[in-house]
Amino acid sequence: MQRKNTLLSGVAICAIASFGLVAAASAEAPAKHHKHHAAAAAAAPKGDGKIEALTAEVETLENRLTAESQAREQLQGQVQAATAQAQAAQADAQAAHQQLAEQIQTIPGQVQADIAAEKPKDGKIHYKGVTLTVGGFAAAESVYRSKNEEADIGSSFAKIPFDNNPVAHTAEERFTARQSRLSLLAEGDINPDTHAAFYSEFDFLAGPQTANSNESNSFSPRIRNVYGTLDVGTVEFLAGQNWSLTTMNTKGITPRNELTPPTIDAQYVVGFTWARQPQFRVTDSFLDKQVWAAVSIENPQTTIASAATGTTGGTSVPGLTVTDGEASTSQFDSANTLSINHVPDVVAKLAIEPDFGGSRPIHAEVYGIYRDYYDRVNVTSATNVLGLPVGADNDNTSGGGIGGGVTWTVVPKLLDLQASALAGRGIGRYGSGQLNDTIVAPDGSLKPIPETMYLFGGTLHATSDLDFYLFYGSEKESAVTATIAGKGYGFGSATASNLSLACATEGATCSPDLQQETQWSGGLWDKVYTGPFGQVRVGLQYSSTQLTGFAGATGGAPKTNDNMIFTSFRYYPF
């Protein structure tokens, strides 16, 4: 560009010089040539215009050259800036690529960490939409009884021996781990309105004929509860083996919220109403779960009393054969006898939990039981004193009762009280004392025995770890008797022999009809450890149980009692 500028400048200078020489020559020419001089003079202005034009053109060219030079310099600056930006972008891209590569390496671990972070921290197992809850405890327990019942950790209250029995003068002490328990709850939502659950619970209190305490202690696992539930809206369906609907609840009428006394004794407390048996149940709730209603049909079984020692007539009159039970066969131990049943027990319950400003300290419930008792009566002689015609027939008798209970949180986290009762006919098997349901009547039919049972108790939460409890319960039956041809028949007959004296004499024959069982029971539970490895609880229980029989013909009513002490060490790992 500079060479081009120089060349143009030279051309312009030469042109100017040429015009200058021409003008000088014209001035030196002779006068005779005036015409030529005038012509030159006339031409002079034309030359000056050309010079100015050339000068303007030169200036324009110089300006253009200057603009082009500036443009070129600006372009070079932009190119250099773009190059620098490209280099910086390339460096950033390389750094980003390296960072991405490093992040890719950490993705698997981060994904696992994110998944773990999303899982609820509730100690449960979550798998494919199903939540699994494992429960239970390992138990090391002991029992001492002042009178030998030959029983494990679950007492036989109705079989406490009277003093005529030699074992009544011996004590009993046992160590056991058989109340150890294992449970599993599986639950999940089929859809927002449908919830399904399966629950199973087992211990080791089954006693097959091959089990003993000689060496191997080969006791079997035992079903406590195995059932499934399906909740559709407010309605719940339950099928399987569970606590009977007669068992009191702590919340509504919902499974796994049954209110059992906190005793170590596996038979709980005299006066406690309960059963665990196969059933089908339907439950619904109303008024924001302040009112609950349920009905269940449950597996039937009938316990039948024998007449007391010395009853003059026994049970049925002569000339009758009564079939009310048979030795079990398939899938049952042949040493057991099962009653004959053809109608299930039916239980209907209503519960209320009134809301007091957001608090529900009271739970109350009432229920009714319908039962059916069934046997086969064969009249073998027409000379029977009742004049019954010869022949065989099935006999049906109905029974049942009405019960209820209430729990009251007197002071939250400090004092809870409860009371329950059941009264009716033929309801003995629903009480912890296990008094009899029926007695065979003189005509061979099964007559339900009237009974009343009740339980009062409370729990004091002395600290967050230490609880004290105290309960008093009773189960009492009334006599079912008849006098035919001068002889007394039935249950609690006044014609029985002098039971008071016989039952107090070792070696004498005494088998009274039980009239009443009463029991005081108290104890404590202490959580000695709670931490990441679970929980350890220790317990101590004392109970005093008294049995009273019907008086009989002479003397007072026979009585016996048993004092029991229980200890428990339980580890809850879950």
Foldseek 3Di string as FASTA:
>chain_A
DVVVLVVLVVVLVVLVVVLVVVVVVLVPDDPVVVVVSVVVVVCNVVSVVVSVVSVVVSVVVVVVVVVVVVVVVVVVVVVVVVVVVVVVVVVVVVVVVVVVVVVVVCVVVVVVVVVVVPDDPPPWDADPQKTKDKWWWFKKKKKKKQADPVDDLAGQQLRRAFQQAVSRNPMDMDIDRQQTKIKMKIKGAPDPQKIKMWIWMKTFRADDPPADDPPDRDTHIDTQWTWMWMGGHQKIKIWTWAKDQVFDFPAQSDGPRGDAAPDSHPLGFFQGFIDTFTKIKMKGADDVRQKIKMKMWTADFFFEDWAWAAFFQTAAFPQKDKFFWDQDDPPDDSVDITGDDDGTKMKIKMKGFDQDPNDGFKIKMKMKIKDKGKIKMARRDCPTLVNDDGGIDMDIDMKIWMKMKMKGPPDPLFKIWMKIKIWMWQRQCRTSNRAGQFYQHRRRGTGTWTKMKMKIKMWGNPDVFKIKIKMKMKMFTDWDWDAGPNGIHGALTQAHDQQQVQSNHHNGDTDFRWGMKIKIKIKMKGFPDDDLQFTKIKMKMKMKMKIWGRRHNDDGIHMDMMIMIMIMIITMRD
